[in-house]
Full PDB file with SEQRES, HELIX, SHEET, SSBOND, CRYST1, ORIGX, SCALE, CONECT and MASTER records, all heavy atoms in Angstrom:
SEQRES   1 A   30  THR ALA ILE ASN SER TYR PHE LEU TYR SER ASP ASP GLN          
SEQRES   2 A   30  GLY ASN ASN HIS ALA VAL TRP LEU LEU ASP ALA ILE SER          
SEQRES   3 A   30  PHE TRP ASN SER                                              
HELIX    1 AA1 ALA A   24  ASN A   29  1                                   6    
SHEET    1 AA1 2 SER A   5  SER A  10  0                                        
SHEET    2 AA1 2 ASN A  16  LEU A  21 -1                                        
CRYST1    1.000    1.000    1.000  90.00  90.00  90.00 P 1           1          
ORIGX1      1.000000  0.000000  0.000000        0.00000                         
ORIGX2      0.000000  1.000000  0.000000        0.00000                         
ORIGX3      0.000000  0.000000  1.000000        0.00000                         
SCALE1      1.000000  0.000000  0.000000        0.00000                         
SCALE2      0.000000  1.000000  0.000000        0.00000                         
SCALE3      0.000000  0.000000  1.000000        0.00000                         
ATOM      1  N   THR A   1     168.261 126.973 116.821  1.00  0.00           N  
ATOM      2  CA  THR A   1     167.443 126.595 117.972  1.00  0.00           C  
ATOM      3  C   THR A   1     166.508 127.733 118.366  1.00  0.00           C  
ATOM      4  O   THR A   1     165.316 127.539 118.548  1.00  0.00           O  
ATOM      5  CB  THR A   1     168.331 126.215 119.173  1.00  0.00           C  
ATOM      6  OG1 THR A   1     169.185 125.145 118.781  1.00  0.00           O  
ATOM      7  CG2 THR A   1     167.493 125.775 120.358  1.00  0.00           C  
ATOM      8  N   ALA A   2     167.059 128.933 118.495  1.00  0.00           N  
ATOM      9  CA  ALA A   2     166.262 130.086 118.912  1.00  0.00           C  
ATOM     10  C   ALA A   2     165.465 130.685 117.751  1.00  0.00           C  
ATOM     11  O   ALA A   2     164.521 131.436 117.979  1.00  0.00           O  
ATOM     12  CB  ALA A   2     167.173 131.156 119.505  1.00  0.00           C  
ATOM     13  N   ILE A   3     165.847 130.352 116.527  1.00  0.00           N  
ATOM     14  CA  ILE A   3     165.239 130.907 115.316  1.00  0.00           C  
ATOM     15  C   ILE A   3     165.300 132.431 115.336  1.00  0.00           C  
ATOM     16  O   ILE A   3     164.366 133.128 114.968  1.00  0.00           O  
ATOM     17  CB  ILE A   3     163.793 130.408 115.100  1.00  0.00           C  
ATOM     18  CG1 ILE A   3     163.669 128.914 115.343  1.00  0.00           C  
ATOM     19  CG2 ILE A   3     163.330 130.720 113.682  1.00  0.00           C  
ATOM     20  CD1 ILE A   3     162.241 128.413 115.328  1.00  0.00           C  
ATOM     21  N   ASN A   4     166.418 132.962 115.784  1.00  0.00           N  
ATOM     22  CA  ASN A   4     166.658 134.398 115.803  1.00  0.00           C  
ATOM     23  C   ASN A   4     168.007 134.687 115.181  1.00  0.00           C  
ATOM     24  O   ASN A   4     168.920 133.871 115.245  1.00  0.00           O  
ATOM     25  CB  ASN A   4     166.644 134.950 117.224  1.00  0.00           C  
ATOM     26  CG  ASN A   4     165.257 135.169 117.758  1.00  0.00           C  
ATOM     27  OD1 ASN A   4     164.290 135.210 117.024  1.00  0.00           O  
ATOM     28  ND2 ASN A   4     165.157 135.328 119.060  1.00  0.00           N  
ATOM     29  N   SER A   5     168.122 135.866 114.617  1.00  0.00           N  
ATOM     30  CA  SER A   5     169.377 136.296 114.026  1.00  0.00           C  
ATOM     31  C   SER A   5     170.241 136.978 115.078  1.00  0.00           C  
ATOM     32  O   SER A   5     169.731 137.545 116.049  1.00  0.00           O  
ATOM     33  CB  SER A   5     169.113 137.265 112.879  1.00  0.00           C  
ATOM     34  OG  SER A   5     168.325 136.648 111.895  1.00  0.00           O  
ATOM     35  N   TYR A   6     171.544 136.925 114.853  1.00  0.00           N  
ATOM     36  CA  TYR A   6     172.489 137.558 115.772  1.00  0.00           C  
ATOM     37  C   TYR A   6     173.795 137.819 115.045  1.00  0.00           C  
ATOM     38  O   TYR A   6     174.018 137.319 113.946  1.00  0.00           O  
ATOM     39  CB  TYR A   6     172.748 136.662 116.987  1.00  0.00           C  
ATOM     40  CG  TYR A   6     173.540 135.422 116.645  1.00  0.00           C  
ATOM     41  CD1 TYR A   6     174.922 135.389 116.820  1.00  0.00           C  
ATOM     42  CD2 TYR A   6     172.923 134.298 116.114  1.00  0.00           C  
ATOM     43  CE1 TYR A   6     175.660 134.256 116.479  1.00  0.00           C  
ATOM     44  CE2 TYR A   6     173.644 133.172 115.780  1.00  0.00           C  
ATOM     45  CZ  TYR A   6     175.003 133.157 115.964  1.00  0.00           C  
ATOM     46  OH  TYR A   6     175.741 132.049 115.625  1.00  0.00           O  
ATOM     47  N   PHE A   7     174.633 138.644 115.674  1.00  0.00           N  
ATOM     48  CA  PHE A   7     176.003 138.780 115.202  1.00  0.00           C  
ATOM     49  C   PHE A   7     176.924 139.004 116.386  1.00  0.00           C  
ATOM     50  O   PHE A   7     176.482 139.439 117.453  1.00  0.00           O  
ATOM     51  CB  PHE A   7     176.163 139.874 114.131  1.00  0.00           C  
ATOM     52  CG  PHE A   7     175.844 141.273 114.577  1.00  0.00           C  
ATOM     53  CD1 PHE A   7     176.824 142.112 115.093  1.00  0.00           C  
ATOM     54  CD2 PHE A   7     174.562 141.776 114.427  1.00  0.00           C  
ATOM     55  CE1 PHE A   7     176.536 143.413 115.463  1.00  0.00           C  
ATOM     56  CE2 PHE A   7     174.257 143.075 114.798  1.00  0.00           C  
ATOM     57  CZ  PHE A   7     175.249 143.899 115.313  1.00  0.00           C  
ATOM     58  N   LEU A   8     178.171 138.660 116.185  1.00  0.00           N  
ATOM     59  CA  LEU A   8     179.195 138.769 117.220  1.00  0.00           C  
ATOM     60  C   LEU A   8     180.270 139.727 116.745  1.00  0.00           C  
ATOM     61  O   LEU A   8     180.587 139.773 115.556  1.00  0.00           O  
ATOM     62  CB  LEU A   8     179.827 137.396 117.489  1.00  0.00           C  
ATOM     63  CG  LEU A   8     178.876 136.249 117.809  1.00  0.00           C  
ATOM     64  CD1 LEU A   8     179.650 134.929 117.840  1.00  0.00           C  
ATOM     65  CD2 LEU A   8     178.173 136.497 119.121  1.00  0.00           C  
ATOM     66  N   TYR A   9     180.825 140.496 117.680  1.00  0.00           N  
ATOM     67  CA  TYR A   9     181.947 141.357 117.332  1.00  0.00           C  
ATOM     68  C   TYR A   9     182.725 141.723 118.590  1.00  0.00           C  
ATOM     69  O   TYR A   9     182.234 141.559 119.704  1.00  0.00           O  
ATOM     70  CB  TYR A   9     181.484 142.619 116.601  1.00  0.00           C  
ATOM     71  CG  TYR A   9     180.801 143.662 117.467  1.00  0.00           C  
ATOM     72  CD1 TYR A   9     181.521 144.756 117.950  1.00  0.00           C  
ATOM     73  CD2 TYR A   9     179.464 143.559 117.800  1.00  0.00           C  
ATOM     74  CE1 TYR A   9     180.909 145.715 118.740  1.00  0.00           C  
ATOM     75  CE2 TYR A   9     178.835 144.508 118.579  1.00  0.00           C  
ATOM     76  CZ  TYR A   9     179.561 145.592 119.049  1.00  0.00           C  
ATOM     77  OH  TYR A   9     178.958 146.539 119.832  1.00  0.00           O  
ATOM     78  N   SER A  10     183.931 142.194 118.388  1.00  0.00           N  
ATOM     79  CA  SER A  10     184.778 142.693 119.472  1.00  0.00           C  
ATOM     80  C   SER A  10     184.970 144.186 119.258  1.00  0.00           C  
ATOM     81  O   SER A  10     185.235 144.631 118.134  1.00  0.00           O  
ATOM     82  CB  SER A  10     186.138 141.997 119.475  1.00  0.00           C  
ATOM     83  OG  SER A  10     185.994 140.618 119.726  1.00  0.00           O  
ATOM     84  N   ASP A  11     184.861 144.971 120.344  1.00  0.00           N  
ATOM     85  CA  ASP A  11     185.036 146.418 120.226  1.00  0.00           C  
ATOM     86  C   ASP A  11     186.522 146.792 120.284  1.00  0.00           C  
ATOM     87  O   ASP A  11     187.391 145.915 120.370  1.00  0.00           O  
ATOM     88  CB  ASP A  11     184.213 147.168 121.276  1.00  0.00           C  
ATOM     89  CG  ASP A  11     184.612 146.865 122.709  1.00  0.00           C  
ATOM     90  OD1 ASP A  11     185.764 146.443 122.954  1.00  0.00           O  
ATOM     91  OD2 ASP A  11     183.771 147.058 123.606  1.00  0.00           O  
ATOM     92  N   ASP A  12     186.811 148.083 120.237  1.00  0.00           N  
ATOM     93  CA  ASP A  12     188.191 148.558 120.215  1.00  0.00           C  
ATOM     94  C   ASP A  12     188.968 148.205 121.478  1.00  0.00           C  
ATOM     95  O   ASP A  12     190.197 148.153 121.456  1.00  0.00           O  
ATOM     96  CB  ASP A  12     188.228 150.074 120.015  1.00  0.00           C  
ATOM     97  CG  ASP A  12     187.699 150.490 118.651  1.00  0.00           C  
ATOM     98  OD1 ASP A  12     187.733 149.656 117.721  1.00  0.00           O  
ATOM     99  OD2 ASP A  12     187.250 151.645 118.521  1.00  0.00           O  
ATOM    100  N   GLN A  13     188.271 147.978 122.603  1.00  0.00           N  
ATOM    101  CA  GLN A  13     188.921 147.607 123.859  1.00  0.00           C  
ATOM    102  C   GLN A  13     189.067 146.093 124.015  1.00  0.00           C  
ATOM    103  O   GLN A  13     189.526 145.607 125.034  1.00  0.00           O  
ATOM    104  CB  GLN A  13     188.149 148.176 125.061  1.00  0.00           C  
ATOM    105  CG  GLN A  13     188.212 149.691 125.198  1.00  0.00           C  
ATOM    106  CD  GLN A  13     187.308 150.408 124.205  1.00  0.00           C  
ATOM    107  OE1 GLN A  13     186.220 149.943 123.904  1.00  0.00           O  
ATOM    108  NE2 GLN A  13     187.772 151.523 123.688  1.00  0.00           N  
ATOM    109  N   GLY A  14     188.632 145.344 123.013  1.00  0.00           N  
ATOM    110  CA  GLY A  14     188.733 143.890 123.060  1.00  0.00           C  
ATOM    111  C   GLY A  14     187.581 143.202 123.764  1.00  0.00           C  
ATOM    112  O   GLY A  14     187.639 141.997 124.017  1.00  0.00           O  
ATOM    113  N   ASN A  15     186.515 143.952 124.069  1.00  0.00           N  
ATOM    114  CA  ASN A  15     185.329 143.354 124.692  1.00  0.00           C  
ATOM    115  C   ASN A  15     184.483 142.669 123.632  1.00  0.00           C  
ATOM    116  O   ASN A  15     184.225 143.238 122.563  1.00  0.00           O  
ATOM    117  CB  ASN A  15     184.495 144.425 125.404  1.00  0.00           C  
ATOM    118  CG  ASN A  15     185.264 145.107 126.505  1.00  0.00           C  
ATOM    119  OD1 ASN A  15     185.864 144.452 127.354  1.00  0.00           O  
ATOM    120  ND2 ASN A  15     185.280 146.426 126.481  1.00  0.00           N  
ATOM    121  N   ASN A  16     184.044 141.456 123.934  1.00  0.00           N  
ATOM    122  CA  ASN A  16     183.206 140.693 123.005  1.00  0.00           C  
ATOM    123  C   ASN A  16     181.737 141.045 123.212  1.00  0.00           C  
ATOM    124  O   ASN A  16     181.289 141.225 124.345  1.00  0.00           O  
ATOM    125  CB  ASN A  16     183.413 139.197 123.193  1.00  0.00           C  
ATOM    126  CG  ASN A  16     184.816 138.779 122.834  1.00  0.00           C  
ATOM    127  OD1 ASN A  16     185.400 139.302 121.892  1.00  0.00           O  
ATOM    128  ND2 ASN A  16     185.373 137.850 123.578  1.00  0.00           N  
ATOM    129  N   HIS A  17     181.006 141.120 122.119  1.00  0.00           N  
ATOM    130  CA  HIS A  17     179.582 141.452 122.164  1.00  0.00           C  
ATOM    131  C   HIS A  17     178.809 140.471 121.305  1.00  0.00           C  
ATOM    132  O   HIS A  17     179.277 140.044 120.252  1.00  0.00           O  
ATOM    133  CB  HIS A  17     179.333 142.864 121.630  1.00  0.00           C  
ATOM    134  CG  HIS A  17     180.019 143.934 122.409  1.00  0.00           C  
ATOM    135  ND1 HIS A  17     179.469 144.524 123.512  1.00  0.00           N  
ATOM    136  CD2 HIS A  17     181.248 144.501 122.242  1.00  0.00           C  
ATOM    137  CE1 HIS A  17     180.309 145.415 123.989  1.00  0.00           C  
ATOM    138  NE2 HIS A  17     181.406 145.426 123.235  1.00  0.00           N  
ATOM    139  N   ALA A  18     177.608 140.140 121.753  1.00  0.00           N  
ATOM    140  CA  ALA A  18     176.652 139.354 120.974  1.00  0.00           C  
ATOM    141  C   ALA A  18     175.387 140.204 120.863  1.00  0.00           C  
ATOM    142  O   ALA A  18     174.827 140.628 121.874  1.00  0.00           O  
ATOM    143  CB  ALA A  18     176.340 138.038 121.660  1.00  0.00           C  
ATOM    144  N   VAL A  19     174.975 140.481 119.644  1.00  0.00           N  
ATOM    145  CA  VAL A  19     173.780 141.280 119.401  1.00  0.00           C  
ATOM    146  C   VAL A  19     172.720 140.358 118.811  1.00  0.00           C  
ATOM    147  O   VAL A  19     172.910 139.780 117.745  1.00  0.00           O  
ATOM    148  CB  VAL A  19     174.081 142.452 118.433  1.00  0.00           C  
ATOM    149  CG1 VAL A  19     172.822 143.247 118.149  1.00  0.00           C  
ATOM    150  CG2 VAL A  19     175.184 143.343 118.990  1.00  0.00           C  
ATOM    151  N   TRP A  20     171.616 140.199 119.538  1.00  0.00           N  
ATOM    152  CA  TRP A  20     170.510 139.356 119.079  1.00  0.00           C  
ATOM    153  C   TRP A  20     169.439 140.245 118.486  1.00  0.00           C  
ATOM    154  O   TRP A  20     169.133 141.315 119.008  1.00  0.00           O  
ATOM    155  CB  TRP A  20     169.944 138.553 120.249  1.00  0.00           C  
ATOM    156  CG  TRP A  20     170.858 137.444 120.640  1.00  0.00           C  
ATOM    157  CD1 TRP A  20     171.917 137.524 121.507  1.00  0.00           C  
ATOM    158  CD2 TRP A  20     170.826 136.114 120.160  1.00  0.00           C  
ATOM    159  NE1 TRP A  20     172.538 136.312 121.583  1.00  0.00           N  
ATOM    160  CE2 TRP A  20     171.893 135.421 120.777  1.00  0.00           C  
ATOM    161  CE3 TRP A  20     170.013 135.428 119.272  1.00  0.00           C  
ATOM    162  CZ2 TRP A  20     172.148 134.078 120.531  1.00  0.00           C  
ATOM    163  CZ3 TRP A  20     170.256 134.092 119.033  1.00  0.00           C  
ATOM    164  CH2 TRP A  20     171.325 133.436 119.664  1.00  0.00           C  
ATOM    165  N   LEU A  21     168.840 139.796 117.394  1.00  0.00           N  
ATOM    166  CA  LEU A  21     167.856 140.583 116.656  1.00  0.00           C  
ATOM    167  C   LEU A  21     166.514 139.862 116.650  1.00  0.00           C  
ATOM    168  O   LEU A  21     166.458 138.644 116.570  1.00  0.00           O  
ATOM    169  CB  LEU A  21     168.315 140.753 115.206  1.00  0.00           C  
ATOM    170  CG  LEU A  21     169.743 141.243 115.030  1.00  0.00           C  
ATOM    171  CD1 LEU A  21     170.191 141.030 113.606  1.00  0.00           C  
ATOM    172  CD2 LEU A  21     169.828 142.699 115.400  1.00  0.00           C  
ATOM    173  N   LEU A  22     165.474 140.646 116.706  1.00  0.00           N  
ATOM    174  CA  LEU A  22     164.137 140.083 116.534  1.00  0.00           C  
ATOM    175  C   LEU A  22     163.480 140.861 115.407  1.00  0.00           C  
ATOM    176  O   LEU A  22     162.835 141.874 115.618  1.00  0.00           O  
ATOM    177  CB  LEU A  22     163.318 140.172 117.820  1.00  0.00           C  
ATOM    178  CG  LEU A  22     161.935 139.528 117.770  1.00  0.00           C  
ATOM    179  CD1 LEU A  22     162.060 138.031 117.488  1.00  0.00           C  
ATOM    180  CD2 LEU A  22     161.186 139.756 119.052  1.00  0.00           C  
ATOM    181  N   ASP A  23     163.688 140.392 114.199  1.00  0.00           N  
ATOM    182  CA  ASP A  23     163.060 141.028 113.050  1.00  0.00           C  
ATOM    183  C   ASP A  23     161.673 140.423 112.856  1.00  0.00           C  
ATOM    184  O   ASP A  23     161.235 139.561 113.619  1.00  0.00           O  
ATOM    185  CB  ASP A  23     163.932 140.898 111.804  1.00  0.00           C  
ATOM    186  CG  ASP A  23     164.221 139.448 111.423  1.00  0.00           C  
ATOM    187  OD1 ASP A  23     163.619 138.529 112.009  1.00  0.00           O  
ATOM    188  OD2 ASP A  23     165.053 139.239 110.534  1.00  0.00           O  
ATOM    189  N   ALA A  24     160.974 140.877 111.851  1.00  0.00           N  
ATOM    190  CA  ALA A  24     159.597 140.421 111.627  1.00  0.00           C  
ATOM    191  C   ALA A  24     159.519 138.921 111.384  1.00  0.00           C  
ATOM    192  O   ALA A  24     158.632 138.244 111.913  1.00  0.00           O  
ATOM    193  CB  ALA A  24     158.978 141.182 110.461  1.00  0.00           C  
ATOM    194  N   ILE A  25     160.445 138.386 110.610  1.00  0.00           N  
ATOM    195  CA  ILE A  25     160.433 136.945 110.327  1.00  0.00           C  
ATOM    196  C   ILE A  25     160.698 136.146 111.594  1.00  0.00           C  
ATOM    197  O   ILE A  25     160.017 135.150 111.869  1.00  0.00           O  
ATOM    198  CB  ILE A  25     161.484 136.589 109.246  1.00  0.00           C  
ATOM    199  CG1 ILE A  25     161.165 137.320 107.944  1.00  0.00           C  
ATOM    200  CG2 ILE A  25     161.564 135.090 109.040  1.00  0.00           C  
ATOM    201  CD1 ILE A  25     159.849 136.955 107.308  1.00  0.00           C  
ATOM    202  N   SER A  26     161.671 136.573 112.392  1.00  0.00           N  
ATOM    203  CA  SER A  26     161.975 135.878 113.645  1.00  0.00           C  
ATOM    204  C   SER A  26     160.788 135.932 114.601  1.00  0.00           C  
ATOM    205  O   SER A  26     160.459 134.951 115.252  1.00  0.00           O  
ATOM    206  CB  SER A  26     163.210 136.488 114.325  1.00  0.00           C  
ATOM    207  OG  SER A  26     164.336 136.357 113.499  1.00  0.00           O  
ATOM    208  N   PHE A  27     160.134 137.097 114.675  1.00  0.00           N  
ATOM    209  CA  PHE A  27     158.954 137.211 115.523  1.00  0.00           C  
ATOM    210  C   PHE A  27     157.868 136.254 115.055  1.00  0.00           C  
ATOM    211  O   PHE A  27     157.247 135.559 115.851  1.00  0.00           O  
ATOM    212  CB  PHE A  27     158.414 138.639 115.550  1.00  0.00           C  
ATOM    213  CG  PHE A  27     157.098 138.726 116.270  1.00  0.00           C  
ATOM    214  CD1 PHE A  27     157.056 138.698 117.647  1.00  0.00           C  
ATOM    215  CD2 PHE A  27     155.910 138.779 115.560  1.00  0.00           C  
ATOM    216  CE1 PHE A  27     155.837 138.738 118.323  1.00  0.00           C  
ATOM    217  CE2 PHE A  27     154.701 138.817 116.221  1.00  0.00           C  
ATOM    218  CZ  PHE A  27     154.663 138.801 117.599  1.00  0.00           C  
ATOM    219  N   TRP A  28     157.635 136.200 113.745  1.00  0.00           N  
ATOM    220  CA  TRP A  28     156.601 135.319 113.203  1.00  0.00           C  
ATOM    221  C   TRP A  28     156.899 133.857 113.526  1.00  0.00           C  
ATOM    222  O   TRP A  28     156.006 133.112 113.913  1.00  0.00           O  
ATOM    223  CB  TRP A  28     156.451 135.530 111.708  1.00  0.00           C  
ATOM    224  CG  TRP A  28     155.404 134.642 111.098  1.00  0.00           C  
ATOM    225  CD1 TRP A  28     155.586 133.630 110.229  1.00  0.00           C  
ATOM    226  CD2 TRP A  28     153.996 134.682 111.354  1.00  0.00           C  
ATOM    227  NE1 TRP A  28     154.386 133.024 109.907  1.00  0.00           N  
ATOM    228  CE2 TRP A  28     153.395 133.663 110.593  1.00  0.00           C  
ATOM    229  CE3 TRP A  28     153.192 135.488 112.155  1.00  0.00           C  
ATOM    230  CZ2 TRP A  28     152.027 133.432 110.602  1.00  0.00           C  
ATOM    231  CZ3 TRP A  28     151.824 135.241 112.164  1.00  0.00           C  
ATOM    232  CH2 TRP A  28     151.257 134.234 111.406  1.00  0.00           C  
ATOM    233  N   ASN A  29     158.159 133.460 113.385  1.00  0.00           N  
ATOM    234  CA  ASN A  29     158.535 132.082 113.725  1.00  0.00           C  
ATOM    235  C   ASN A  29     158.291 131.798 115.202  1.00  0.00           C  
ATOM    236  O   ASN A  29     157.775 130.738 115.564  1.00  0.00           O  
ATOM    237  CB  ASN A  29     159.994 131.819 113.362  1.00  0.00           C  
ATOM    238  CG  ASN A  29     160.207 131.749 111.869  1.00  0.00           C  
ATOM    239  OD1 ASN A  29     159.304 131.412 111.118  1.00  0.00           O  
ATOM    240  ND2 ASN A  29     161.407 132.076 111.447  1.00  0.00           N  
ATOM    241  N   SER A  30     158.649 132.739 116.065  1.00  0.00           N  
ATOM    242  CA  SER A  30     158.398 132.564 117.500  1.00  0.00           C  
ATOM    243  C   SER A  30     156.909 132.505 117.781  1.00  0.00           C  
ATOM    244  O   SER A  30     156.444 131.682 118.568  1.00  0.00           O  
ATOM    245  CB  SER A  30     159.045 133.703 118.301  1.00  0.00           C  
ATOM    246  OG  SER A  30     160.429 133.677 118.155  1.00  0.00           O  
TER     247      SER A  30                                                      
MASTER        0    0    0    1    2    0    0    6  246    1    0    3          
END                                                                             
């Protein structure tokens, strides 16, 4: 839907994170 890349991970304390990326291809699509 967003046409963007992302990844999910949990840190050592158990906190969840979502990292969204805007690379050149994603920018071009937007």
